[in-house]
Amino acid sequence: MAMTYKILGQKSPAAATDYNLYTVSGSKQAIINCITVANRDANSAKYQISIRPDGATKTSDHYIAYDVQVDANLSVALNLGITLDTNDVLTVQSSSGLVTFNAYGVEIDV
């Protein structure tokens, strides 16, 4: 069982737009060790993070963060240890197009 430590996704999505930051592909599983949220705006912003099992349509059950405020020009690091199976999706959104999301973790061949 090979493991690859890597950047799983990096993106500054448009404001108020869901973006699939990472999808577990092929015959892999993954562990998200850390998600960073960097607000590059001079104003505060809010962000949302959800985990959608097997690519399911997003519902209120999938949120791990909902409308959390990040102050102007600040970053937060969420050290979570989220385990994902094939086709699970990490989806992000923010109130500003100046918020950058990064996900770091491990892909595991199964």
PDB file of N, CA and C in Angstrom:
ATOM      1  N   MET A   1       0.847  -1.168   0.000  1.00  0.00           N
ATOM      2  CA  MET A   1       0.000   0.000   0.000  1.00  0.00           C
ATOM      3  C   MET A   1       0.897   1.236   0.000  1.00  0.00           C
ATOM      4  N   ALA A   2       0.993   1.902  -1.139  1.00  0.00           N
ATOM      5  CA  ALA A   2       1.824   3.098  -1.275  1.00  0.00           C
ATOM      6  C   ALA A   2       1.083   4.321  -0.756  1.00  0.00           C
ATOM      7  N   MET A   3       1.849   5.204  -0.089  1.00  0.00           N
ATOM      8  CA  MET A   3       1.296   6.464   0.393  1.00  0.00           C
ATOM      9  C   MET A   3       2.092   7.608  -0.219  1.00  0.00           C
ATOM     10  N   THR A   4       1.380   8.640  -0.669  1.00  0.00           N
ATOM     11  CA  THR A   4       2.012   9.811  -1.255  1.00  0.00           C
ATOM     12  C   THR A   4       1.576  11.046  -0.483  1.00  0.00           C
ATOM     13  N   TYR A   5       2.541  11.724   0.132  1.00  0.00           N
ATOM     14  CA  TYR A   5       2.265  12.960   0.850  1.00  0.00           C
ATOM     15  C   TYR A   5       2.281  14.089  -0.167  1.00  0.00           C
ATOM     16  N   LYS A   6       1.226  14.925  -0.166  1.00  0.00           N
ATOM     17  CA  LYS A   6       1.158  15.919  -1.226  1.00  0.00           C
ATOM     18  C   LYS A   6       0.229  17.066  -0.903  1.00  0.00           C
ATOM     19  N   ILE A   7       0.301  18.081  -1.744  1.00  0.00           N
ATOM     20  CA  ILE A   7      -0.696  19.145  -1.743  1.00  0.00           C
ATOM     21  C   ILE A   7      -1.909  18.577  -2.479  1.00  0.00           C
ATOM     22  N   LEU A   8      -3.031  18.507  -1.807  1.00  0.00           N
ATOM     23  CA  LEU A   8      -4.225  17.918  -2.404  1.00  0.00           C
ATOM     24  C   LEU A   8      -5.007  18.930  -3.237  1.00  0.00           C
ATOM     25  N   GLY A   9      -4.921  20.201  -2.887  1.00  0.00           N
ATOM     26  CA  GLY A   9      -5.626  21.219  -3.660  1.00  0.00           C
ATOM     27  C   GLY A   9      -5.271  22.608  -3.202  1.00  0.00           C
ATOM     28  N   GLN A  10      -5.298  23.558  -4.150  1.00  0.00           N
ATOM     29  CA  GLN A  10      -5.049  24.965  -3.870  1.00  0.00           C
ATOM     30  C   GLN A  10      -5.926  25.792  -4.795  1.00  0.00           C
ATOM     31  N   LYS A  11      -6.676  26.739  -4.210  1.00  0.00           N
ATOM     32  CA  LYS A  11      -7.568  27.533  -5.073  1.00  0.00           C
ATOM     33  C   LYS A  11      -8.085  28.758  -4.322  1.00  0.00           C
ATOM     34  N   SER A  12      -8.293  29.823  -5.090  1.00  0.00           N
ATOM     35  CA  SER A  12      -9.015  31.015  -4.633  1.00  0.00           C
ATOM     36  C   SER A  12     -10.278  31.106  -5.482  1.00  0.00           C
ATOM     37  N   PRO A  13     -11.345  30.434  -5.081  1.00  0.00           N
ATOM     38  CA  PRO A  13     -12.552  30.433  -5.914  1.00  0.00           C
ATOM     39  C   PRO A  13     -13.265  31.787  -5.904  1.00  0.00           C
ATOM     40  N   ALA A  14     -14.077  32.003  -6.913  1.00  0.00           N
ATOM     41  CA  ALA A  14     -14.895  33.203  -6.983  1.00  0.00           C
ATOM     42  C   ALA A  14     -15.804  33.268  -5.757  1.00  0.00           C
ATOM     43  N   ALA A  15     -16.171  34.470  -5.372  1.00  0.00           N
ATOM     44  CA  ALA A  15     -17.018  34.676  -4.199  1.00  0.00           C
ATOM     45  C   ALA A  15     -18.340  33.922  -4.331  1.00  0.00           C
ATOM     46  N   ALA A  16     -18.780  33.351  -3.204  1.00  0.00           N
ATOM     47  CA  ALA A  16     -20.084  32.680  -3.103  1.00  0.00           C
ATOM     48  C   ALA A  16     -20.262  31.562  -4.127  1.00  0.00           C
ATOM     49  N   THR A  17     -19.164  30.894  -4.475  1.00  0.00           N
ATOM     50  CA  THR A  17     -19.203  29.815  -5.458  1.00  0.00           C
ATOM     51  C   THR A  17     -18.583  28.556  -4.863  1.00  0.00           C
ATOM     52  N   ASP A  18     -19.331  27.457  -4.862  1.00  0.00           N
ATOM     53  CA  ASP A  18     -18.761  26.184  -4.421  1.00  0.00           C
ATOM     54  C   ASP A  18     -17.641  25.769  -5.362  1.00  0.00           C
ATOM     55  N   TYR A  19     -16.537  25.293  -4.788  1.00  0.00           N
ATOM     56  CA  TYR A  19     -15.424  24.793  -5.585  1.00  0.00           C
ATOM     57  C   TYR A  19     -14.967  23.469  -4.987  1.00  0.00           C
ATOM     58  N   ASN A  20     -14.873  22.448  -5.821  1.00  0.00           N
ATOM     59  CA  ASN A  20     -14.389  21.142  -5.377  1.00  0.00           C
ATOM     60  C   ASN A  20     -12.870  21.185  -5.330  1.00  0.00           C
ATOM     61  N   LEU A  21     -12.340  21.422  -4.137  1.00  0.00           N
ATOM     62  CA  LEU A  21     -10.907  21.578  -3.957  1.00  0.00           C
ATOM     63  C   LEU A  21     -10.158  20.271  -4.153  1.00  0.00           C
ATOM     64  N   TYR A  22     -10.785  19.158  -3.765  1.00  0.00           N
ATOM     65  CA  TYR A  22     -10.123  17.861  -3.904  1.00  0.00           C
ATOM     66  C   TYR A  22     -11.176  16.766  -3.996  1.00  0.00           C
ATOM     67  N   THR A  23     -10.956  15.836  -4.922  1.00  0.00           N
ATOM     68  CA  THR A  23     -11.784  14.641  -5.064  1.00  0.00           C
ATOM     69  C   THR A  23     -10.869  13.438  -5.041  1.00  0.00           C
ATOM     70  N   VAL A  24     -11.186  12.460  -4.211  1.00  0.00           N
ATOM     71  CA  VAL A  24     -10.385  11.241  -4.150  1.00  0.00           C
ATOM     72  C   VAL A  24     -10.665  10.439  -5.417  1.00  0.00           C
ATOM     73  N   SER A  25      -9.624  10.180  -6.189  1.00  0.00           N
ATOM     74  CA  SER A  25      -9.813   9.543  -7.493  1.00  0.00           C
ATOM     75  C   SER A  25      -9.346   8.094  -7.514  1.00  0.00           C
ATOM     76  N   GLY A  26      -9.796   7.412  -8.555  1.00  0.00           N
ATOM     77  CA  GLY A  26      -9.338   6.043  -8.824  1.00  0.00           C
ATOM     78  C   GLY A  26      -9.464   5.119  -7.639  1.00  0.00           C
ATOM     79  N   SER A  27      -8.478   4.288  -7.484  1.00  0.00           N
ATOM     80  CA  SER A  27      -8.486   3.314  -6.381  1.00  0.00           C
ATOM     81  C   SER A  27      -7.628   3.849  -5.243  1.00  0.00           C
ATOM     82  N   LYS A  28      -8.022   5.019  -4.740  1.00  0.00           N
ATOM     83  CA  LYS A  28      -7.276   5.665  -3.660  1.00  0.00           C
ATOM     84  C   LYS A  28      -8.194   6.000  -2.490  1.00  0.00           C
ATOM     85  N   GLN A  29      -7.570   6.184  -1.358  1.00  0.00           N
ATOM     86  CA  GLN A  29      -8.181   6.783  -0.189  1.00  0.00           C
ATOM     87  C   GLN A  29      -7.281   7.945   0.192  1.00  0.00           C
ATOM     88  N   ALA A  30      -7.722   8.803   1.097  1.00  0.00           N
ATOM     89  CA  ALA A  30      -6.897   9.957   1.458  1.00  0.00           C
ATOM     90  C   ALA A  30      -7.136  10.356   2.901  1.00  0.00           C
ATOM     91  N   ILE A  31      -6.153  11.053   3.431  1.00  0.00           N
ATOM     92  CA  ILE A  31      -6.269  11.692   4.733  1.00  0.00           C
ATOM     93  C   ILE A  31      -5.891  13.153   4.544  1.00  0.00           C
ATOM     94  N   ILE A  32      -6.809  14.045   4.886  1.00  0.00           N
ATOM     95  CA  ILE A  32      -6.513  15.474   4.849  1.00  0.00           C
ATOM     96  C   ILE A  32      -5.973  15.851   6.220  1.00  0.00           C
ATOM     97  N   ASN A  33      -4.700  16.194   6.260  1.00  0.00           N
ATOM     98  CA  ASN A  33      -4.080  16.556   7.540  1.00  0.00           C
ATOM     99  C   ASN A  33      -4.340  17.999   7.920  1.00  0.00           C
ATOM    100  N   CYS A  34      -4.334  18.880   6.938  1.00  0.00           N
ATOM    101  CA  CYS A  34      -4.467  20.302   7.236  1.00  0.00           C
ATOM    102  C   CYS A  34      -5.164  21.021   6.088  1.00  0.00           C
ATOM    103  N   ILE A  35      -6.044  21.937   6.439  1.00  0.00           N
ATOM    104  CA  ILE A  35      -6.646  22.864   5.478  1.00  0.00           C
ATOM    105  C   ILE A  35      -6.301  24.261   5.967  1.00  0.00           C
ATOM    106  N   THR A  36      -5.731  25.081   5.086  1.00  0.00           N
ATOM    107  CA  THR A  36      -5.484  26.470   5.447  1.00  0.00           C
ATOM    108  C   THR A  36      -6.458  27.361   4.682  1.00  0.00           C
ATOM    109  N   VAL A  37      -6.852  28.440   5.354  1.00  0.00           N
ATOM    110  CA  VAL A  37      -7.747  29.430   4.772  1.00  0.00           C
ATOM    111  C   VAL A  37      -7.051  30.776   4.948  1.00  0.00           C
ATOM    112  N   ALA A  38      -6.685  31.405   3.834  1.00  0.00           N
ATOM    113  CA  ALA A  38      -5.960  32.672   3.882  1.00  0.00           C
ATOM    114  C   ALA A  38      -6.828  33.778   3.282  1.00  0.00           C
ATOM    115  N   ASN A  39      -7.149  34.758   4.098  1.00  0.00           N
ATOM    116  CA  ASN A  39      -7.932  35.900   3.625  1.00  0.00           C
ATOM    117  C   ASN A  39      -6.969  36.993   3.181  1.00  0.00           C
ATOM    118  N   ARG A  40      -6.894  37.243   1.876  1.00  0.00           N
ATOM    119  CA  ARG A  40      -5.999  38.239   1.307  1.00  0.00           C
ATOM    120  C   ARG A  40      -6.676  39.601   1.166  1.00  0.00           C
ATOM    121  N   ASP A  41      -7.883  39.714   1.666  1.00  0.00           N
ATOM    122  CA  ASP A  41      -8.687  40.927   1.542  1.00  0.00           C
ATOM    123  C   ASP A  41      -8.446  41.857   2.743  1.00  0.00           C
ATOM    124  N   ALA A  42      -8.642  43.156   2.538  1.00  0.00           N
ATOM    125  CA  ALA A  42      -8.543  44.139   3.623  1.00  0.00           C
ATOM    126  C   ALA A  42      -9.805  44.147   4.493  1.00  0.00           C
ATOM    127  N   ASN A  43     -10.778  43.317   4.129  1.00  0.00           N
ATOM    128  CA  ASN A  43     -12.013  43.171   4.903  1.00  0.00           C
ATOM    129  C   ASN A  43     -12.131  41.731   5.373  1.00  0.00           C
ATOM    130  N   SER A  44     -12.880  41.519   6.444  1.00  0.00           N
ATOM    131  CA  SER A  44     -13.111  40.152   6.902  1.00  0.00           C
ATOM    132  C   SER A  44     -13.957  39.395   5.874  1.00  0.00           C
ATOM    133  N   ALA A  45     -13.876  38.092   5.932  1.00  0.00           N
ATOM    134  CA  ALA A  45     -14.646  37.238   5.022  1.00  0.00           C
ATOM    135  C   ALA A  45     -15.150  36.035   5.806  1.00  0.00           C
ATOM    136  N   LYS A  46     -16.100  35.326   5.226  1.00  0.00           N
ATOM    137  CA  LYS A  46     -16.601  34.083   5.810  1.00  0.00           C
ATOM    138  C   LYS A  46     -16.318  32.945   4.858  1.00  0.00           C
ATOM    139  N   TYR A  47     -16.119  31.757   5.432  1.00  0.00           N
ATOM    140  CA  TYR A  47     -15.861  30.593   4.586  1.00  0.00           C
ATOM    141  C   TYR A  47     -16.681  29.398   5.034  1.00  0.00           C
ATOM    142  N   GLN A  48     -16.836  28.473   4.089  1.00  0.00           N
ATOM    143  CA  GLN A  48     -17.531  27.205   4.331  1.00  0.00           C
ATOM    144  C   GLN A  48     -16.664  26.070   3.794  1.00  0.00           C
ATOM    145  N   ILE A  49     -16.685  24.948   4.504  1.00  0.00           N
ATOM    146  CA  ILE A  49     -15.985  23.741   4.068  1.00  0.00           C
ATOM    147  C   ILE A  49     -16.930  22.572   4.287  1.00  0.00           C
ATOM    148  N   SER A  50     -17.053  21.721   3.274  1.00  0.00           N
ATOM    149  CA  SER A  50     -17.896  20.532   3.420  1.00  0.00           C
ATOM    150  C   SER A  50     -17.169  19.315   2.842  1.00  0.00           C
ATOM    151  N   ILE A  51     -17.533  18.158   3.364  1.00  0.00           N
ATOM    152  CA  ILE A  51     -17.036  16.879   2.872  1.00  0.00           C
ATOM    153  C   ILE A  51     -18.245  16.104   2.364  1.00  0.00           C
ATOM    154  N   ARG A  52     -18.226  15.785   1.056  1.00  0.00           N
ATOM    155  CA  ARG A  52     -19.370  15.099   0.447  1.00  0.00           C
ATOM    156  C   ARG A  52     -18.990  13.654   0.146  1.00  0.00           C
ATOM    157  N   PRO A  53     -19.548  12.697   0.904  1.00  0.00           N
ATOM    158  CA  PRO A  53     -19.218  11.296   0.669  1.00  0.00           C
ATOM    159  C   PRO A  53     -19.686  10.826  -0.705  1.00  0.00           C
ATOM    160  N   ASP A  54     -18.789  10.164  -1.398  1.00  0.00           N
ATOM    161  CA  ASP A  54     -19.093   9.561  -2.702  1.00  0.00           C
ATOM    162  C   ASP A  54     -19.724  10.563  -3.667  1.00  0.00           C
ATOM    163  N   GLY A  55     -19.300  11.842  -3.573  1.00  0.00           N
ATOM    164  CA  GLY A  55     -19.790  12.863  -4.504  1.00  0.00           C
ATOM    165  C   GLY A  55     -21.243  13.244  -4.333  1.00  0.00           C
ATOM    166  N   ALA A  56     -21.806  12.976  -3.161  1.00  0.00           N
ATOM    167  CA  ALA A  56     -23.228  13.277  -2.918  1.00  0.00           C
ATOM    168  C   ALA A  56     -23.508  14.763  -3.102  1.00  0.00           C
ATOM    169  N   THR A  57     -24.759  15.094  -3.390  1.00  0.00           N
ATOM    170  CA  THR A  57     -25.192  16.480  -3.438  1.00  0.00           C
ATOM    171  C   THR A  57     -25.061  17.074  -2.038  1.00  0.00           C
ATOM    172  N   LYS A  58     -24.518  18.277  -1.954  1.00  0.00           N
ATOM    173  CA  LYS A  58     -24.251  18.893  -0.662  1.00  0.00           C
ATOM    174  C   LYS A  58     -25.544  19.154   0.106  1.00  0.00           C
ATOM    175  N   THR A  59     -25.529  18.767   1.377  1.00  0.00           N
ATOM    176  CA  THR A  59     -26.632  19.049   2.300  1.00  0.00           C
ATOM    177  C   THR A  59     -26.037  19.632   3.576  1.00  0.00           C
ATOM    178  N   SER A  60     -26.885  20.040   4.485  1.00  0.00           N
ATOM    179  CA  SER A  60     -26.414  20.612   5.750  1.00  0.00           C
ATOM    180  C   SER A  60     -25.610  19.605   6.579  1.00  0.00           C
ATOM    181  N   ASP A  61     -25.784  18.320   6.332  1.00  0.00           N
ATOM    182  CA  ASP A  61     -25.047  17.291   7.065  1.00  0.00           C
ATOM    183  C   ASP A  61     -23.562  17.260   6.721  1.00  0.00           C
ATOM    184  N   HIS A  62     -23.155  17.841   5.603  1.00  0.00           N
ATOM    185  CA  HIS A  62     -21.790  17.705   5.102  1.00  0.00           C
ATOM    186  C   HIS A  62     -20.821  18.778   5.569  1.00  0.00           C
ATOM    187  N   TYR A  63     -21.300  19.832   6.212  1.00  0.00           N
ATOM    188  CA  TYR A  63     -20.429  20.942   6.600  1.00  0.00           C
ATOM    189  C   TYR A  63     -19.535  20.583   7.775  1.00  0.00           C
ATOM    190  N   ILE A  64     -18.260  20.942   7.652  1.00  0.00           N
ATOM    191  CA  ILE A  64     -17.356  20.887   8.806  1.00  0.00           C
ATOM    192  C   ILE A  64     -17.049  22.306   9.288  1.00  0.00           C
ATOM    193  N   ALA A  65     -17.345  23.302   8.444  1.00  0.00           N
ATOM    194  CA  ALA A  65     -17.251  24.717   8.818  1.00  0.00           C
ATOM    195  C   ALA A  65     -18.311  25.455   8.013  1.00  0.00           C
ATOM    196  N   TYR A  66     -19.064  26.325   8.690  1.00  0.00           N
ATOM    197  CA  TYR A  66     -20.138  27.042   7.996  1.00  0.00           C
ATOM    198  C   TYR A  66     -20.137  28.506   8.401  1.00  0.00           C
ATOM    199  N   ASP A  67     -19.903  29.374   7.444  1.00  0.00           N
ATOM    200  CA  ASP A  67     -19.876  30.817   7.647  1.00  0.00           C
ATOM    201  C   ASP A  67     -18.972  31.223   8.817  1.00  0.00           C
ATOM    202  N   VAL A  68     -17.794  30.628   8.844  1.00  0.00           N
ATOM    203  CA  VAL A  68     -16.786  30.974   9.852  1.00  0.00           C
ATOM    204  C   VAL A  68     -16.057  32.233   9.388  1.00  0.00           C
ATOM    205  N   GLN A  69     -15.912  33.182  10.270  1.00  0.00           N
ATOM    206  CA  GLN A  69     -15.258  34.439   9.895  1.00  0.00           C
ATOM    207  C   GLN A  69     -13.745  34.314  10.008  1.00  0.00           C
ATOM    208  N   VAL A  70     -13.059  34.842   9.001  1.00  0.00           N
ATOM    209  CA  VAL A  70     -11.603  35.008   9.054  1.00  0.00           C
ATOM    210  C   VAL A  70     -11.342  36.491   8.827  1.00  0.00           C
ATOM    211  N   ASP A  71     -10.642  37.097   9.769  1.00  0.00           N
ATOM    212  CA  ASP A  71     -10.432  38.542   9.719  1.00  0.00           C
ATOM    213  C   ASP A  71      -9.540  38.946   8.555  1.00  0.00           C
ATOM    214  N   ALA A  72      -9.507  40.232   8.281  1.00  0.00           N
ATOM    215  CA  ALA A  72      -8.738  40.791   7.167  1.00  0.00           C
ATOM    216  C   ALA A  72      -7.268  40.406   7.263  1.00  0.00           C
ATOM    217  N   ASN A  73      -6.714  39.987   6.135  1.00  0.00           N
ATOM    218  CA  ASN A  73      -5.283  39.692   6.008  1.00  0.00           C
ATOM    219  C   ASN A  73      -4.769  38.669   7.021  1.00  0.00           C
ATOM    220  N   LEU A  74      -5.601  37.708   7.390  1.00  0.00           N
ATOM    221  CA  LEU A  74      -5.201  36.662   8.322  1.00  0.00           C
ATOM    222  C   LEU A  74      -5.400  35.292   7.697  1.00  0.00           C
ATOM    223  N   SER A  75      -4.711  34.317   8.272  1.00  0.00           N
ATOM    224  CA  SER A  75      -4.852  32.918   7.849  1.00  0.00           C
ATOM    225  C   SER A  75      -5.190  32.064   9.050  1.00  0.00           C
ATOM    226  N   VAL A  76      -5.898  30.973   8.789  1.00  0.00           N
ATOM    227  CA  VAL A  76      -6.162  29.971   9.819  1.00  0.00           C
ATOM    228  C   VAL A  76      -5.730  28.618   9.273  1.00  0.00           C
ATOM    229  N   ALA A  77      -5.256  27.765  10.164  1.00  0.00           N
ATOM    230  CA  ALA A  77      -4.879  26.402   9.793  1.00  0.00           C
ATOM    231  C   ALA A  77      -5.760  25.453  10.587  1.00  0.00           C
ATOM    232  N   LEU A  78      -6.448  24.566   9.879  1.00  0.00           N
ATOM    233  CA  LEU A  78      -7.330  23.579  10.503  1.00  0.00           C
ATOM    234  C   LEU A  78      -6.645  22.226  10.400  1.00  0.00           C
ATOM    235  N   ASN A  79      -6.155  21.723  11.527  1.00  0.00           N
ATOM    236  CA  ASN A  79      -5.492  20.424  11.568  1.00  0.00           C
ATOM    237  C   ASN A  79      -6.516  19.381  11.977  1.00  0.00           C
ATOM    238  N   LEU A  80      -7.006  18.616  10.992  1.00  0.00           N
ATOM    239  CA  LEU A  80      -8.217  17.841  11.194  1.00  0.00           C
ATOM    240  C   LEU A  80      -8.062  16.324  11.123  1.00  0.00           C
ATOM    241  N   GLY A  81      -7.224  15.800  10.255  1.00  0.00           N
ATOM    242  CA  GLY A  81      -7.108  14.352  10.105  1.00  0.00           C
ATOM    243  C   GLY A  81      -8.365  13.719   9.534  1.00  0.00           C
ATOM    244  N   ILE A  82      -8.912  14.291   8.462  1.00  0.00           N
ATOM    245  CA  ILE A  82     -10.148  13.804   7.848  1.00  0.00           C
ATOM    246  C   ILE A  82      -9.827  12.628   6.933  1.00  0.00           C
ATOM    247  N   THR A  83     -10.515  11.516   7.127  1.00  0.00           N
ATOM    248  CA  THR A  83     -10.311  10.340   6.277  1.00  0.00           C
ATOM    249  C   THR A  83     -11.354  10.323   5.168  1.00  0.00           C
ATOM    250  N   LEU A  84     -10.888  10.041   3.952  1.00  0.00           N
ATOM    251  CA  LEU A  84     -11.758  10.046   2.785  1.00  0.00           C
ATOM    252  C   LEU A  84     -11.614   8.756   2.003  1.00  0.00           C
ATOM    253  N   ASP A  85     -12.705   8.332   1.399  1.00  0.00           N
ATOM    254  CA  ASP A  85     -12.722   7.148   0.552  1.00  0.00           C
ATOM    255  C   ASP A  85     -12.808   7.591  -0.913  1.00  0.00           C
ATOM    256  N   THR A  86     -12.697   6.642  -1.812  1.00  0.00           N
ATOM    257  CA  THR A  86     -12.795   6.928  -3.238  1.00  0.00           C
ATOM    258  C   THR A  86     -14.059   7.724  -3.548  1.00  0.00           C
ATOM    259  N   ASN A  87     -13.922   8.767  -4.360  1.00  0.00           N
ATOM    260  CA  ASN A  87     -15.000   9.651  -4.825  1.00  0.00           C
ATOM    261  C   ASN A  87     -15.522  10.634  -3.778  1.00  0.00           C
ATOM    262  N   ASP A  88     -14.959  10.658  -2.570  1.00  0.00           N
ATOM    263  CA  ASP A  88     -15.347  11.682  -1.602  1.00  0.00           C
ATOM    264  C   ASP A  88     -14.793  13.025  -2.080  1.00  0.00           C
ATOM    265  N   VAL A  89     -15.507  14.113  -1.749  1.00  0.00           N
ATOM    266  CA  VAL A  89     -15.167  15.429  -2.289  1.00  0.00           C
ATOM    267  C   VAL A  89     -15.055  16.458  -1.162  1.00  0.00           C
ATOM    268  N   LEU A  90     -13.970  17.237  -1.192  1.00  0.00           N
ATOM    269  CA  LEU A  90     -13.782  18.380  -0.311  1.00  0.00           C
ATOM    270  C   LEU A  90     -14.214  19.619  -1.087  1.00  0.00           C
ATOM    271  N   THR A  91     -15.249  20.302  -0.594  1.00  0.00           N
ATOM    272  CA  THR A  91     -15.802  21.470  -1.274  1.00  0.00           C
ATOM    273  C   THR A  91     -15.628  22.695  -0.387  1.00  0.00           C
ATOM    274  N   VAL A  92     -15.219  23.816  -0.992  1.00  0.00           N
ATOM    275  CA  VAL A  92     -14.997  25.048  -0.247  1.00  0.00           C
ATOM    276  C   VAL A  92     -15.767  26.197  -0.893  1.00  0.00           C
ATOM    277  N   GLN A  93     -15.979  27.248  -0.094  1.00  0.00           N
ATOM    278  CA  GLN A  93     -16.652  28.449  -0.586  1.00  0.00           C
ATOM    279  C   GLN A  93     -16.291  29.595   0.357  1.00  0.00           C
ATOM    280  N   SER A  94     -16.267  30.819  -0.161  1.00  0.00           N
ATOM    281  CA  SER A  94     -16.052  31.984   0.700  1.00  0.00           C
ATOM    282  C   SER A  94     -16.912  33.145   0.219  1.00  0.00           C
ATOM    283  N   SER A  95     -17.028  34.134   1.081  1.00  0.00           N
ATOM    284  CA  SER A  95     -17.813  35.319   0.734  1.00  0.00           C
ATOM    285  C   SER A  95     -17.011  36.297  -0.119  1.00  0.00           C
ATOM    286  N   SER A  96     -15.730  36.024  -0.293  1.00  0.00           N
ATOM    287  CA  SER A  96     -14.853  36.911  -1.052  1.00  0.00           C
ATOM    288  C   SER A  96     -14.023  36.099  -2.038  1.00  0.00           C
ATOM    289  N   GLY A  97     -13.759  36.651  -3.180  1.00  0.00           N
ATOM    290  CA  GLY A  97     -12.884  35.991  -4.140  1.00  0.00           C
ATOM    291  C   GLY A  97     -11.416  36.129  -3.767  1.00  0.00           C
ATOM    292  N   LEU A  98     -11.137  36.706  -2.607  1.00  0.00           N
ATOM    293  CA  LEU A  98      -9.762  36.893  -2.153  1.00  0.00           C
ATOM    294  C   LEU A  98      -9.409  35.976  -0.989  1.00  0.00           C
ATOM    295  N   VAL A  99     -10.072  34.845  -0.903  1.00  0.00           N
ATOM    296  CA  VAL A  99      -9.768  33.835   0.112  1.00  0.00           C
ATOM    297  C   VAL A  99      -9.172  32.621  -0.598  1.00  0.00           C
ATOM    298  N   THR A 100      -8.008  32.195  -0.126  1.00  0.00           N
ATOM    299  CA  THR A 100      -7.311  31.053  -0.713  1.00  0.00           C
ATOM    300  C   THR A 100      -7.402  29.856   0.215  1.00  0.00           C
ATOM    301  N   PHE A 101      -7.746  28.708  -0.365  1.00  0.00           N
ATOM    302  CA  PHE A 101      -7.819  27.447   0.376  1.00  0.00           C
ATOM    303  C   PHE A 101      -6.678  26.541  -0.082  1.00  0.00           C
ATOM    304  N   ASN A 102      -6.055  25.861   0.870  1.00  0.00           N
ATOM    305  CA  ASN A 102      -5.044  24.850   0.586  1.00  0.00           C
ATOM    306  C   ASN A 102      -5.355  23.614   1.412  1.00  0.00           C
ATOM    307  N   ALA A 103      -5.214  22.448   0.803  1.00  0.00           N
ATOM    308  CA  ALA A 103      -5.406  21.191   1.530  1.00  0.00           C
ATOM    309  C   ALA A 103      -4.146  20.352   1.362  1.00  0.00           C
ATOM    310  N   TYR A 104      -3.653  19.819   2.481  1.00  0.00           N
ATOM    311  CA  TYR A 104      -2.435  19.013   2.485  1.00  0.00           C
ATOM    312  C   TYR A 104      -2.749  17.662   3.127  1.00  0.00           C
ATOM    313  N   GLY A 105      -2.173  16.612   2.572  1.00  0.00           N
ATOM    314  CA  GLY A 105      -2.445  15.312   3.160  1.00  0.00           C
ATOM    315  C   GLY A 105      -1.727  14.167   2.476  1.00  0.00           C
ATOM    316  N   VAL A 106      -2.355  13.014   2.557  1.00  0.00           N
ATOM    317  CA  VAL A 106      -1.779  11.762   2.087  1.00  0.00           C
ATOM    318  C   VAL A 106      -2.783  11.045   1.200  1.00  0.00           C
ATOM    319  N   GLU A 107      -2.338  10.601   0.029  1.00  0.00           N
ATOM    320  CA  GLU A 107      -3.131   9.687  -0.804  1.00  0.00           C
ATOM    321  C   GLU A 107      -2.593   8.278  -0.605  1.00  0.00           C
ATOM    322  N   ILE A 108      -3.518   7.340  -0.479  1.00  0.00           N
ATOM    323  CA  ILE A 108      -3.170   5.944  -0.200  1.00  0.00           C
ATOM    324  C   ILE A 108      -3.706   5.071  -1.321  1.00  0.00           C
ATOM    325  N   ASP A 109      -2.830   4.290  -1.950  1.00  0.00           N
ATOM    326  CA  ASP A 109      -3.279   3.329  -2.965  1.00  0.00           C
ATOM    327  C   ASP A 109      -3.930   2.145  -2.267  1.00  0.00           C
ATOM    328  N   VAL A 110      -5.116   1.775  -2.759  1.00  0.00           N
ATOM    329  CA  VAL A 110      -5.819   0.607  -2.173  1.00  0.00           C
ATOM    330  C   VAL A 110      -6.056  -0.456  -3.215  1.00  0.00           C
TER     331      VAL A 110
END
